């Protein structure tokens, strides 16, 4: 690691920790961030000593760059909770204290016992994948149904509607897959970089990492002595320590960083499946019959998707299904009306 770059990163972290502490004034989290700022400054001092030991001049007094100042200001306005991803990307640890809603108002996060984090991550991961798949189907269904209705409103040519629907399916599915791939690939690279930093820091100064981990456990409700004992025990096993630090400091599960190819494939398939539903009747029928069948299939699918989403919201399946159907009907009616208007004007 470059000592100067590492010194700058630690100083930047300390600056942002203090911004978080100011935003959380009066809570247990404020104390956590103040102490983490002190740890970051102590680690910066280690890197400064290494820099001068190699014959380099000491770095000038730290001055935050424009990005750091902007993030600090946003933290003051919005609070650290809303900026968790940004802060984590800038090497601000301790964001795991916001992973639970317990104590959100009091500033006393509920303690989480080591070993239970993986269960929560897995539960969220599997449920998140299912929810993403449902939304992917819904996106394909609504967007392609609206496209088909818009073209049908402008022209009675079934072949034109079919070609437009196929083009909409292909374009939308590939666009969704490409966007998902880039998103997950970028996220995975960020996570791998952050875990790599933790690995290097664990090698360079394990005692300091143990102190940071103890601070986080204490902020979650463990007595300070127990937090110190547990942190030292964890850091004594480097592989276990890296896994725990990634979870507790970064809020990451190293075993589930996401597959870009898998996410892109799932996005492509779910979008294409939804987009194919309103298109299918035009393969087997023509004219008004195909249009009416397409609308009927879309309506049933929209209600089913809405009812499925009620599993995640706790609302009534009838309410969720009806709401989704109403929103889809509104989108379809608007695009059909626009198509009819342009069809008449151009005809």
Protein backbone atom coordinates (compact mmCIF):
# COMPACT_ATOMS: atom_id res chain seq x y z
CA UNK A 1 0.00 0.00 0.00
CA UNK A 2 1.15 3.55 -0.71
CA UNK A 3 1.70 5.23 2.70
CA UNK A 4 0.73 8.68 1.40
CA UNK A 5 -2.51 7.42 -0.17
CA UNK A 6 -3.32 5.44 2.96
CA UNK A 7 -2.63 8.51 5.14
CA UNK A 8 -4.98 10.57 2.98
CA UNK A 9 -7.72 7.91 3.14
CA UNK A 10 -7.53 7.69 6.93
CA UNK A 11 -7.60 11.47 7.29
CA UNK A 12 -10.59 11.67 4.96
CA UNK A 13 -12.34 8.97 6.97
CA UNK A 14 -11.70 10.87 10.20
CA UNK A 15 -13.11 14.05 8.67
CA UNK A 16 -16.29 12.23 7.60
CA UNK A 17 -16.59 10.42 10.94
CA UNK A 18 -16.69 13.79 12.65
CA UNK A 19 -19.35 15.00 10.20
CA UNK A 20 -21.40 11.90 11.05
CA UNK A 21 -20.89 12.52 14.77
CA UNK A 22 -22.11 16.09 14.40
CA UNK A 23 -25.19 14.90 12.51
CA UNK A 24 -25.90 12.28 15.21
CA UNK A 25 -25.31 14.64 18.15
CA UNK A 26 -26.96 13.37 21.32
CA UNK A 27 -27.05 9.69 20.34
CA UNK A 28 -24.88 6.66 21.08
CA UNK A 29 -23.90 6.66 17.41
CA UNK A 30 -22.31 10.10 17.83
CA UNK A 31 -19.92 8.68 20.43
CA UNK A 32 -19.15 5.77 18.12
CA UNK A 33 -18.23 8.08 15.24
CA UNK A 34 -16.09 10.33 17.45
CA UNK A 35 -14.12 7.32 18.64
CA UNK A 36 -13.84 5.94 15.11
CA UNK A 37 -12.47 9.32 14.04
CA UNK A 38 -9.83 8.98 16.72
CA UNK A 39 -8.95 5.49 15.51
CA UNK A 40 -8.67 6.72 11.92
CA UNK A 41 -6.38 9.54 12.98
CA UNK A 42 -4.23 7.05 14.94
CA UNK A 43 -3.95 4.87 11.84
CA UNK A 44 -3.10 7.93 9.77
CA UNK A 45 -0.27 8.61 12.21
CA UNK A 46 1.07 5.10 11.56
CA UNK A 47 1.11 5.72 7.82
CA UNK A 48 2.74 9.13 8.36
CA UNK A 49 5.48 7.47 10.39
CA UNK A 50 6.05 4.89 7.66
CA UNK A 51 6.25 7.68 5.08
CA UNK A 52 8.92 9.62 6.98
CA UNK A 53 10.78 6.39 7.84
CA UNK A 54 11.25 5.83 4.12
CA UNK A 55 12.92 9.22 3.77
CA UNK A 56 9.92 11.10 2.37
CA UNK A 57 8.91 14.51 3.71
CA UNK A 58 5.90 14.51 6.05
CA UNK A 59 2.57 15.25 4.32
CA UNK A 60 1.10 18.75 4.62
CA UNK A 61 -1.87 19.37 6.93
CA UNK A 62 -4.90 17.49 5.64
CA UNK A 63 -7.35 19.51 3.53
CA UNK A 64 -10.52 17.69 2.39
CA UNK A 65 -11.08 17.59 -1.36
CA UNK A 66 -14.30 19.00 -2.88
CA UNK A 67 -16.00 15.58 -2.98
CA UNK A 68 -15.33 14.98 0.70
CA UNK A 69 -16.61 18.44 1.64
CA UNK A 70 -19.76 17.85 -0.43
CA UNK A 71 -20.44 14.49 1.23
CA UNK A 72 -19.88 16.00 4.67
CA UNK A 73 -22.38 18.74 3.89
CA UNK A 74 -24.91 16.20 2.62
CA UNK A 75 -24.42 14.19 5.81
CA UNK A 76 -25.28 17.32 7.77
CA UNK A 77 -28.43 17.87 5.72
CA UNK A 78 -29.68 14.32 5.24
CA UNK A 79 -28.00 12.33 7.99
CA UNK A 80 -25.58 9.39 7.71
CA UNK A 81 -28.35 6.79 7.38
CA UNK A 82 -29.48 8.10 3.98
CA UNK A 83 -25.88 8.31 2.75
CA UNK A 84 -24.79 4.84 3.85
CA UNK A 85 -23.69 3.64 0.36
CA UNK A 86 -21.74 6.84 -0.32
CA UNK A 87 -20.05 6.81 3.07
CA UNK A 88 -19.18 3.12 2.81
CA UNK A 89 -17.60 3.77 -0.60
CA UNK A 90 -15.43 6.46 1.03
CA UNK A 91 -14.08 4.09 3.70
CA UNK A 92 -16.38 5.24 6.50
CA UNK A 93 -16.90 2.23 8.77
CA UNK A 94 -19.62 1.51 11.25
CA UNK A 95 -22.49 1.87 8.79
CA UNK A 96 -23.74 -1.52 9.98
CA UNK A 97 -25.27 0.27 13.00
CA UNK A 98 -27.97 1.49 10.60
CA UNK A 99 -28.79 -2.01 9.36
CA UNK A 100 -31.58 -2.41 11.89
CA UNK A 101 -34.57 -0.18 12.54
CA UNK A 102 -34.42 -0.91 16.27
CA UNK A 103 -33.46 2.16 18.16
CA UNK A 104 -33.75 4.42 15.13
CA UNK A 105 -35.26 7.18 17.20
CA UNK A 106 -33.33 6.68 20.40
CA UNK A 107 -29.90 6.27 18.91
CA UNK A 108 -29.45 2.90 20.66
CA UNK A 109 -29.12 0.25 17.96
CA UNK A 110 -30.01 -3.27 19.02
CA UNK A 111 -27.04 -5.57 19.53
CA UNK A 112 -26.47 -8.32 16.99
CA UNK A 113 -24.69 -11.43 18.08
CA UNK A 114 -21.85 -12.60 15.89
CA UNK A 115 -22.94 -15.47 13.70
CA UNK A 116 -26.47 -14.14 13.17
CA UNK A 117 -25.53 -11.66 10.47
CA UNK A 118 -25.22 -14.29 7.76
CA UNK A 119 -28.77 -15.43 8.37
CA UNK A 120 -30.09 -11.92 7.91
CA UNK A 121 -28.05 -11.38 4.76
CA UNK A 122 -29.24 -14.63 3.26
CA UNK A 123 -32.84 -13.87 4.06
CA UNK A 124 -32.59 -10.46 2.49
CA UNK A 125 -30.68 -11.79 -0.49
CA UNK A 126 -33.15 -14.50 -1.43
CA UNK A 127 -36.17 -12.29 -0.83
CA UNK A 128 -34.53 -9.47 -2.76
CA UNK A 129 -33.92 -11.73 -5.75
CA UNK A 130 -37.54 -12.86 -5.81
CA UNK A 131 -38.77 -9.30 -5.51
CA UNK A 132 -36.41 -8.15 -8.28
CA UNK A 133 -37.71 -10.93 -10.53
CA UNK A 134 -41.31 -9.91 -9.91
CA UNK A 135 -40.52 -6.28 -10.68
CA UNK A 136 -38.63 -7.35 -13.81
CA UNK A 137 -41.68 -9.19 -15.09
CA UNK A 138 -43.85 -6.20 -14.22
CA UNK A 139 -41.55 -3.78 -16.06
CA UNK A 140 -41.59 -5.91 -19.19
CA UNK A 141 -45.34 -6.39 -19.02
CA UNK A 142 -46.27 -2.73 -18.52
CA UNK A 143 -43.74 -1.26 -20.96
CA UNK A 144 -44.45 -3.69 -23.81
CA UNK A 145 -48.20 -3.67 -23.26
CA UNK A 146 -48.14 0.13 -23.41
CA UNK A 147 -46.04 0.02 -26.59
CA UNK A 148 -48.37 -2.50 -28.21
CA UNK A 149 -51.46 -0.50 -27.27
CA UNK A 150 -49.87 2.69 -28.57
CA UNK A 151 -49.07 1.10 -31.94
CA UNK A 152 -52.51 -0.58 -32.06
CA UNK A 153 -54.12 2.78 -31.41
CA UNK A 154 -52.28 4.24 -34.39
CA UNK A 155 -52.68 1.34 -36.80
CA UNK A 156 -54.89 -1.74 -37.22
CA UNK A 157 -52.05 -3.61 -38.96
CA UNK A 158 -51.47 -6.72 -36.81
CA UNK A 159 -48.09 -7.35 -38.43
CA UNK A 160 -46.91 -3.86 -37.47
CA UNK A 161 -48.09 -4.38 -33.90
CA UNK A 162 -46.32 -7.75 -33.72
CA UNK A 163 -43.04 -6.39 -35.09
CA UNK A 164 -43.18 -3.42 -32.73
CA UNK A 165 -43.85 -5.71 -29.78
CA UNK A 166 -40.95 -8.01 -30.64
CA UNK A 167 -38.66 -5.01 -31.06
CA UNK A 168 -39.83 -3.61 -27.71
CA UNK A 169 -39.24 -6.97 -26.01
CA UNK A 170 -35.74 -7.35 -27.43
CA UNK A 171 -34.68 -3.74 -26.86
CA UNK A 172 -36.05 -3.62 -23.33
CA UNK A 173 -34.64 -6.98 -22.28
CA UNK A 174 -31.16 -6.23 -23.61
CA UNK A 175 -31.19 -2.73 -22.10
CA UNK A 176 -32.26 -4.10 -18.72
CA UNK A 177 -29.62 -6.85 -18.84
CA UNK A 178 -26.86 -4.43 -19.82
CA UNK A 179 -27.84 -1.97 -17.11
CA UNK A 180 -28.01 -4.70 -14.48
CA UNK A 181 -24.63 -6.12 -15.51
CA UNK A 182 -22.90 -2.73 -15.29
CA UNK A 183 -24.61 -1.95 -11.98
CA UNK A 184 -23.73 -5.24 -10.29
CA UNK A 185 -20.22 -5.33 -11.80
CA UNK A 186 -19.50 -1.82 -10.48
CA UNK A 187 -20.96 -2.68 -7.09
CA UNK A 188 -18.94 -5.90 -6.88
CA UNK A 189 -15.72 -4.09 -7.80
CA UNK A 190 -16.40 -1.55 -5.05
CA UNK A 191 -17.09 -4.29 -2.51
CA UNK A 192 -13.96 -6.23 -3.52
CA UNK A 193 -11.89 -3.04 -3.17
CA UNK A 194 -13.30 -2.35 0.28
CA UNK A 195 -12.68 -5.93 1.44
CA UNK A 196 -9.14 -5.67 0.05
CA UNK A 197 -8.58 -2.55 2.14
CA UNK A 198 -9.82 -4.38 5.22
CA UNK A 199 -7.44 -7.26 4.48
CA UNK A 200 -4.47 -4.88 4.18
CA UNK A 201 -5.40 -2.98 7.33
CA UNK A 202 -5.85 -6.22 9.25
CA UNK A 203 -2.31 -7.18 8.26
CA UNK A 204 -0.82 -3.75 9.00
CA UNK A 205 -2.45 -2.98 12.36
CA UNK A 206 -4.69 -5.75 13.75
CA UNK A 207 -4.90 -4.09 17.19
CA UNK A 208 -6.46 -0.96 15.68
CA UNK A 209 -8.95 -3.06 13.69
CA UNK A 210 -9.88 -4.89 16.89
CA UNK A 211 -10.53 -1.55 18.59
CA UNK A 212 -12.77 -0.42 15.71
CA UNK A 213 -14.70 -3.67 15.86
CA UNK A 214 -15.09 -3.35 19.62
CA UNK A 215 -16.47 0.17 19.19
CA UNK A 216 -19.10 -1.10 16.77
CA UNK A 217 -20.14 -3.95 19.07
CA UNK A 218 -20.33 -1.54 21.99
CA UNK A 219 -22.51 0.83 19.95
CA UNK A 220 -24.83 -2.08 19.25
CA UNK A 221 -25.33 -2.67 22.95
CA UNK A 222 -22.60 -5.07 24.13
CA UNK A 223 -20.82 -4.09 27.37
CA UNK A 224 -17.45 -2.53 26.58
CA UNK A 225 -15.40 -5.28 28.26
CA UNK A 226 -17.31 -7.98 26.42
CA UNK A 227 -16.98 -6.07 23.15
CA UNK A 228 -13.20 -5.77 23.63
CA UNK A 229 -12.84 -9.47 24.49
CA UNK A 230 -14.94 -10.56 21.54
CA UNK A 231 -13.14 -8.28 19.08
CA UNK A 232 -9.70 -9.50 20.17
CA UNK A 233 -10.82 -13.11 19.86
CA UNK A 234 -12.14 -12.53 16.34
CA UNK A 235 -9.06 -10.65 15.13
CA UNK A 236 -6.83 -13.48 16.38
CA UNK A 237 -8.15 -15.57 13.45
CA UNK A 238 -7.31 -13.55 10.28
CA UNK A 239 -9.81 -15.27 7.94
CA UNK A 240 -12.64 -15.11 10.47
CA UNK A 241 -11.64 -11.54 11.27
CA UNK A 242 -11.80 -10.43 7.64
CA UNK A 243 -15.24 -11.99 7.22
CA UNK A 244 -16.51 -10.34 10.41
CA UNK A 245 -14.99 -6.94 9.63
CA UNK A 246 -16.61 -7.00 6.18
CA UNK A 247 -19.98 -7.71 7.77
CA UNK A 248 -19.79 -5.41 10.78
CA UNK A 249 -17.80 -2.46 9.38
CA UNK A 250 -18.96 -2.55 5.75
CA UNK A 251 -22.31 -4.30 6.07
CA UNK A 252 -21.24 -6.83 3.40
CA UNK A 253 -21.47 -10.59 3.13
CA UNK A 254 -18.24 -11.63 1.33
CA UNK A 255 -19.93 -14.82 0.11
CA UNK A 256 -22.76 -12.91 -1.56
CA UNK A 257 -21.30 -9.99 -3.48
CA UNK A 258 -23.52 -10.64 -6.49
CA UNK A 259 -22.86 -12.14 -9.92
CA UNK A 260 -22.98 -9.62 -12.80
CA UNK A 261 -23.70 -12.35 -15.35
CA UNK A 262 -26.34 -13.94 -13.13
CA UNK A 263 -28.02 -10.60 -12.48
CA UNK A 264 -27.99 -9.69 -16.18
CA UNK A 265 -29.42 -13.07 -17.16
CA UNK A 266 -32.16 -12.90 -14.52
CA UNK A 267 -33.05 -9.36 -15.59
CA UNK A 268 -33.17 -10.34 -19.27
CA UNK A 269 -35.33 -13.41 -18.64
CA UNK A 270 -37.78 -11.72 -16.25
CA UNK A 271 -38.25 -8.66 -18.49
CA UNK A 272 -38.64 -10.81 -21.61
CA UNK A 273 -41.16 -13.06 -19.85
CA UNK A 274 -43.30 -10.09 -18.87
CA UNK A 275 -43.00 -8.44 -22.28
CA UNK A 276 -44.02 -11.66 -24.06
CA UNK A 277 -47.39 -11.90 -22.31
CA UNK A 278 -49.25 -9.04 -24.07
CA UNK A 279 -47.51 -9.96 -27.32
CA UNK A 280 -48.52 -13.65 -27.42
CA UNK A 281 -52.13 -13.14 -28.66
CA UNK A 282 -50.86 -11.31 -31.76
CA UNK A 283 -48.93 -14.45 -32.76
CA UNK A 284 -52.12 -16.53 -32.90
CA UNK A 285 -54.81 -14.00 -33.80
CA UNK A 286 -55.32 -10.76 -35.70
CA UNK A 287 -57.26 -7.53 -35.50
CA UNK A 288 -59.64 -6.78 -32.67
CA UNK A 289 -59.56 -10.34 -31.36
CA UNK A 290 -55.79 -10.17 -30.82
CA UNK A 291 -56.04 -6.75 -29.20
CA UNK A 292 -58.82 -7.77 -26.81
CA UNK A 293 -56.97 -10.98 -25.91
CA UNK A 294 -53.76 -9.03 -25.30
CA UNK A 295 -55.57 -6.61 -22.99
CA UNK A 296 -57.17 -9.50 -21.10
CA UNK A 297 -53.89 -11.36 -20.64
CA UNK A 298 -52.19 -8.17 -19.50
CA UNK A 299 -54.95 -7.40 -17.00
CA UNK A 300 -54.80 -10.87 -15.44
CA UNK A 301 -51.00 -10.74 -15.27
CA UNK A 302 -51.00 -7.27 -13.71
CA UNK A 303 -53.40 -8.36 -10.99
CA UNK A 304 -51.33 -11.50 -10.32
CA UNK A 305 -48.13 -9.48 -10.03
CA UNK A 306 -49.73 -7.00 -7.68
CA UNK A 307 -51.08 -9.84 -5.54
CA UNK A 308 -47.60 -11.42 -5.44
CA UNK A 309 -46.04 -8.15 -4.30
CA UNK A 310 -48.43 -8.15 -1.34
CA UNK A 311 -46.17 -10.88 0.09
CA UNK A 312 -43.51 -8.20 0.57
CA UNK A 313 -45.77 -5.36 1.70
CA UNK A 314 -48.19 -7.15 4.00
CA UNK A 315 -51.14 -5.45 2.27
CA UNK A 316 -54.22 -7.28 1.05
CA UNK A 317 -53.64 -9.28 -2.14
CA UNK A 318 -56.89 -7.86 -3.56
CA UNK A 319 -55.78 -4.31 -2.82
CA UNK A 320 -52.29 -4.77 -4.24
CA UNK A 321 -53.56 -6.59 -7.30
CA UNK A 322 -56.26 -4.00 -7.93
CA UNK A 323 -53.82 -1.12 -7.55
CA UNK A 324 -51.36 -2.68 -10.00
CA UNK A 325 -54.19 -3.34 -12.45
CA UNK A 326 -55.40 0.26 -12.18
CA UNK A 327 -51.92 1.70 -12.76
CA UNK A 328 -51.31 -0.58 -15.74
CA UNK A 329 -54.72 0.27 -17.19
CA UNK A 330 -53.97 3.98 -16.87
CA UNK A 331 -50.62 3.60 -18.67
CA UNK A 332 -52.20 1.50 -21.41
CA UNK A 333 -55.12 3.89 -21.89
CA UNK A 334 -52.80 6.90 -22.18
CA UNK A 335 -50.51 5.26 -24.74
CA UNK A 336 -53.46 3.92 -26.72
CA UNK A 337 -54.97 7.41 -26.78
CA UNK A 338 -51.67 8.93 -27.91
CA UNK A 339 -51.36 6.32 -30.63
CA UNK A 340 -54.91 6.93 -31.78
CA UNK A 341 -54.34 10.69 -31.82
CA UNK A 342 -51.15 10.44 -33.88
CA UNK A 343 -52.66 7.77 -36.13
CA UNK A 344 -55.58 10.00 -37.01
CA UNK A 345 -53.35 13.07 -37.42
CA UNK A 346 -50.87 11.29 -39.68
CA UNK A 347 -53.55 9.40 -41.57
